[in-house]
């Protein structure tokens, strides 16, 4: 899984690829805007708190704020809505 970690105050962004599923367990079944402690990712992230602000499933479908179910749904949008 790739984690895109950004610091908006400093304007920095870095991508980490983590293959160990045990480290990623705290990120599973979380909703957007929920916070996760970085201690599970290793000592370099100890003391950090990460906020989930987006993501994709295995097929590449993006997460959307306000959709409160764990499966895919069809949304009806008008032109100009995203």
N, C-alpha and C. Protein backbone atom coordinates (compact mmCIF):
# COMPACT_ATOMS: atom_id res chain seq x y z
N UNK A 1 0.85 -1.16 0.00
CA UNK A 1 0.00 0.00 0.00
C UNK A 1 0.90 1.23 0.00
N UNK A 2 0.51 2.22 -0.76
CA UNK A 2 1.25 3.47 -0.81
C UNK A 2 0.57 4.47 0.12
N UNK A 3 1.36 5.13 0.94
CA UNK A 3 0.86 6.19 1.81
C UNK A 3 1.47 7.50 1.34
N UNK A 4 0.62 8.44 1.02
CA UNK A 4 1.05 9.76 0.61
C UNK A 4 0.91 10.67 1.83
N UNK A 5 2.02 11.02 2.44
CA UNK A 5 2.01 11.80 3.67
C UNK A 5 2.42 13.23 3.33
N UNK A 6 1.55 14.18 3.71
CA UNK A 6 1.79 15.58 3.40
C UNK A 6 1.77 16.42 4.66
N UNK A 7 2.58 17.46 4.66
CA UNK A 7 2.60 18.44 5.73
C UNK A 7 2.24 19.78 5.11
N UNK A 8 0.96 20.20 5.19
CA UNK A 8 0.56 21.43 4.51
C UNK A 8 1.25 22.68 5.07
N UNK A 9 1.59 22.67 6.36
CA UNK A 9 2.23 23.85 6.94
C UNK A 9 3.62 24.07 6.33
N UNK A 10 4.33 23.00 6.09
CA UNK A 10 5.67 23.11 5.51
C UNK A 10 5.69 22.97 4.01
N UNK A 11 4.58 22.54 3.42
CA UNK A 11 4.52 22.35 1.98
C UNK A 11 5.28 21.13 1.49
N UNK A 12 5.48 20.15 2.37
CA UNK A 12 6.23 18.95 2.01
C UNK A 12 5.28 17.79 1.78
N UNK A 13 5.69 16.88 0.91
CA UNK A 13 4.90 15.69 0.61
C UNK A 13 5.84 14.56 0.27
N UNK A 14 5.54 13.36 0.78
CA UNK A 14 6.39 12.20 0.53
C UNK A 14 5.51 10.96 0.42
N UNK A 15 5.91 10.04 -0.45
CA UNK A 15 5.18 8.80 -0.67
C UNK A 15 5.99 7.65 -0.10
N UNK A 16 5.34 6.84 0.74
CA UNK A 16 5.97 5.65 1.32
C UNK A 16 5.21 4.43 0.83
N UNK A 17 5.92 3.39 0.44
CA UNK A 17 5.27 2.12 0.08
C UNK A 17 5.57 1.12 1.19
N UNK A 18 4.50 0.61 1.80
CA UNK A 18 4.62 -0.31 2.93
C UNK A 18 3.97 -1.63 2.53
N UNK A 19 4.74 -2.71 2.62
CA UNK A 19 4.26 -4.02 2.21
C UNK A 19 3.82 -4.89 3.38
N UNK A 20 4.17 -4.54 4.59
CA UNK A 20 3.84 -5.34 5.76
C UNK A 20 2.39 -5.06 6.18
N UNK A 21 1.53 -6.08 6.06
CA UNK A 21 0.11 -5.91 6.38
C UNK A 21 -0.14 -5.67 7.86
N UNK A 22 0.74 -6.15 8.71
CA UNK A 22 0.56 -5.93 10.15
C UNK A 22 0.70 -4.45 10.50
N UNK A 23 1.57 -3.75 9.80
CA UNK A 23 1.73 -2.32 10.04
C UNK A 23 0.53 -1.52 9.56
N UNK A 24 -0.18 -2.05 8.56
CA UNK A 24 -1.30 -1.32 7.96
C UNK A 24 -2.65 -1.61 8.59
N UNK A 25 -2.71 -2.55 9.52
CA UNK A 25 -4.00 -2.91 10.14
C UNK A 25 -4.76 -1.72 10.73
N UNK A 26 -4.12 -0.76 11.39
CA UNK A 26 -4.89 0.36 11.94
C UNK A 26 -5.56 1.23 10.87
N UNK A 27 -5.12 1.14 9.62
CA UNK A 27 -5.70 1.96 8.56
C UNK A 27 -6.94 1.32 7.93
N UNK A 28 -7.12 0.02 8.10
CA UNK A 28 -8.25 -0.67 7.48
C UNK A 28 -9.55 -0.32 8.18
N UNK A 29 -10.64 -0.28 7.43
CA UNK A 29 -11.99 -0.03 7.92
C UNK A 29 -12.11 1.30 8.65
N UNK A 30 -11.37 2.29 8.20
CA UNK A 30 -11.48 3.64 8.74
C UNK A 30 -12.21 4.51 7.74
N UNK A 31 -12.88 5.54 8.23
CA UNK A 31 -13.57 6.48 7.37
C UNK A 31 -12.66 7.68 7.10
N UNK A 32 -13.05 8.47 6.11
CA UNK A 32 -12.29 9.67 5.83
C UNK A 32 -12.40 10.62 7.02
N UNK A 33 -11.37 11.37 7.26
CA UNK A 33 -11.23 12.33 8.36
C UNK A 33 -11.00 11.66 9.71
N UNK A 34 -10.87 10.35 9.75
CA UNK A 34 -10.53 9.71 11.02
C UNK A 34 -9.01 9.78 11.21
N UNK A 35 -8.59 9.76 12.46
CA UNK A 35 -7.17 9.91 12.77
C UNK A 35 -6.59 8.59 13.24
N UNK A 36 -5.35 8.32 12.82
CA UNK A 36 -4.66 7.07 13.12
C UNK A 36 -3.28 7.43 13.68
N UNK A 37 -2.89 6.79 14.77
CA UNK A 37 -1.56 7.00 15.33
C UNK A 37 -0.51 6.38 14.42
N UNK A 38 0.60 7.05 14.24
CA UNK A 38 1.67 6.58 13.36
C UNK A 38 2.61 5.58 14.00
N UNK A 39 2.39 5.25 15.28
CA UNK A 39 3.29 4.33 15.98
C UNK A 39 3.34 2.95 15.33
N UNK A 40 2.24 2.54 14.69
CA UNK A 40 2.20 1.20 14.09
C UNK A 40 3.09 1.09 12.85
N UNK A 41 3.43 2.22 12.23
CA UNK A 41 4.24 2.19 11.01
C UNK A 41 5.73 2.07 11.28
N UNK A 42 6.14 2.30 12.51
CA UNK A 42 7.56 2.18 12.85
C UNK A 42 8.01 3.31 13.75
N UNK A 43 9.26 3.24 14.16
CA UNK A 43 9.80 4.23 15.09
C UNK A 43 9.94 5.62 14.46
N UNK A 44 10.10 5.68 13.13
CA UNK A 44 10.27 6.99 12.50
C UNK A 44 9.00 7.83 12.53
N UNK A 45 7.83 7.19 12.73
CA UNK A 45 6.56 7.91 12.80
C UNK A 45 5.98 7.93 14.20
N UNK A 46 6.76 7.58 15.18
CA UNK A 46 6.30 7.54 16.56
C UNK A 46 5.93 8.95 17.03
N UNK A 47 4.74 9.10 17.59
CA UNK A 47 4.27 10.39 18.08
C UNK A 47 3.47 11.20 17.07
N UNK A 48 3.43 10.75 15.81
CA UNK A 48 2.66 11.45 14.79
C UNK A 48 1.23 10.92 14.75
N UNK A 49 0.31 11.78 14.35
CA UNK A 49 -1.08 11.39 14.13
C UNK A 49 -1.40 11.69 12.68
N UNK A 50 -1.92 10.68 11.96
CA UNK A 50 -2.27 10.85 10.55
C UNK A 50 -3.79 10.95 10.40
N UNK A 51 -4.23 11.86 9.54
CA UNK A 51 -5.65 11.98 9.22
C UNK A 51 -5.88 11.43 7.82
N UNK A 52 -6.85 10.56 7.67
CA UNK A 52 -7.16 9.97 6.37
C UNK A 52 -7.97 10.99 5.58
N UNK A 53 -7.43 11.41 4.44
CA UNK A 53 -8.10 12.43 3.65
C UNK A 53 -8.51 11.93 2.26
N UNK A 54 -8.27 10.67 1.97
CA UNK A 54 -8.67 10.12 0.67
C UNK A 54 -8.05 8.76 0.46
N UNK A 55 -8.38 8.17 -0.67
CA UNK A 55 -7.83 6.86 -1.00
C UNK A 55 -8.56 6.24 -2.16
N UNK A 56 -8.09 5.07 -2.57
CA UNK A 56 -8.67 4.30 -3.67
C UNK A 56 -8.82 2.86 -3.23
N UNK A 57 -9.76 2.14 -3.87
CA UNK A 57 -9.84 0.71 -3.62
C UNK A 57 -8.92 -0.01 -4.61
N UNK A 58 -8.95 -1.33 -4.63
CA UNK A 58 -8.01 -2.09 -5.46
C UNK A 58 -8.22 -1.85 -6.95
N UNK A 59 -9.45 -1.50 -7.35
CA UNK A 59 -9.73 -1.25 -8.76
C UNK A 59 -9.53 0.21 -9.15
N UNK A 60 -9.19 1.08 -8.19
CA UNK A 60 -8.90 2.47 -8.51
C UNK A 60 -10.05 3.43 -8.31
N UNK A 61 -11.16 2.97 -7.75
CA UNK A 61 -12.29 3.87 -7.51
C UNK A 61 -11.99 4.73 -6.28
N UNK A 62 -12.16 6.05 -6.37
CA UNK A 62 -11.77 6.93 -5.25
C UNK A 62 -12.80 6.93 -4.12
N UNK A 63 -12.32 7.30 -2.94
CA UNK A 63 -13.20 7.49 -1.80
C UNK A 63 -13.89 8.84 -1.95
N UNK A 64 -15.07 8.97 -1.36
CA UNK A 64 -15.81 10.22 -1.43
C UNK A 64 -16.34 10.56 -0.05
N UNK A 65 -16.13 11.79 0.38
CA UNK A 65 -16.60 12.24 1.69
C UNK A 65 -18.13 12.23 1.71
N UNK A 66 -18.72 11.69 2.77
CA UNK A 66 -20.17 11.69 2.92
C UNK A 66 -20.85 10.38 2.53
N UNK A 67 -20.13 9.46 1.92
CA UNK A 67 -20.69 8.14 1.59
C UNK A 67 -20.41 7.24 2.78
N UNK A 68 -21.46 6.79 3.46
CA UNK A 68 -21.29 6.12 4.74
C UNK A 68 -21.41 4.60 4.65
N UNK A 69 -21.04 4.01 3.52
CA UNK A 69 -21.07 2.55 3.42
C UNK A 69 -19.71 2.08 2.90
N UNK A 70 -19.42 0.80 3.12
CA UNK A 70 -18.12 0.25 2.77
C UNK A 70 -18.07 -0.35 1.37
N UNK A 71 -19.18 -0.33 0.65
CA UNK A 71 -19.17 -0.90 -0.70
C UNK A 71 -19.40 0.22 -1.71
N UNK A 72 -19.24 -0.11 -2.97
CA UNK A 72 -19.42 0.88 -4.03
C UNK A 72 -20.90 1.19 -4.23
N UNK A 73 -21.17 2.44 -4.52
CA UNK A 73 -22.54 2.87 -4.81
C UNK A 73 -22.51 3.73 -6.07
N UNK A 74 -23.66 3.81 -6.74
CA UNK A 74 -23.78 4.69 -7.89
C UNK A 74 -24.38 6.00 -7.41
N UNK A 75 -23.73 7.08 -7.79
CA UNK A 75 -24.18 8.39 -7.38
C UNK A 75 -24.75 9.13 -8.59
N UNK A 76 -25.81 9.86 -8.39
CA UNK A 76 -26.42 10.65 -9.45
C UNK A 76 -25.96 12.09 -9.30
N UNK A 77 -25.19 12.55 -10.29
CA UNK A 77 -24.67 13.91 -10.28
C UNK A 77 -25.21 14.68 -11.46
N UNK A 78 -25.32 16.00 -11.29
CA UNK A 78 -25.61 16.88 -12.40
C UNK A 78 -24.28 17.36 -12.97
N UNK A 79 -24.33 18.03 -14.10
CA UNK A 79 -23.11 18.56 -14.69
C UNK A 79 -22.47 19.55 -13.74
N UNK A 80 -21.17 19.49 -13.63
CA UNK A 80 -20.43 20.39 -12.77
C UNK A 80 -20.23 19.87 -11.36
N UNK A 81 -20.90 18.79 -10.99
CA UNK A 81 -20.72 18.21 -9.66
C UNK A 81 -19.64 17.14 -9.74
N UNK A 82 -18.96 16.93 -8.64
CA UNK A 82 -17.95 15.87 -8.67
C UNK A 82 -18.14 14.97 -7.51
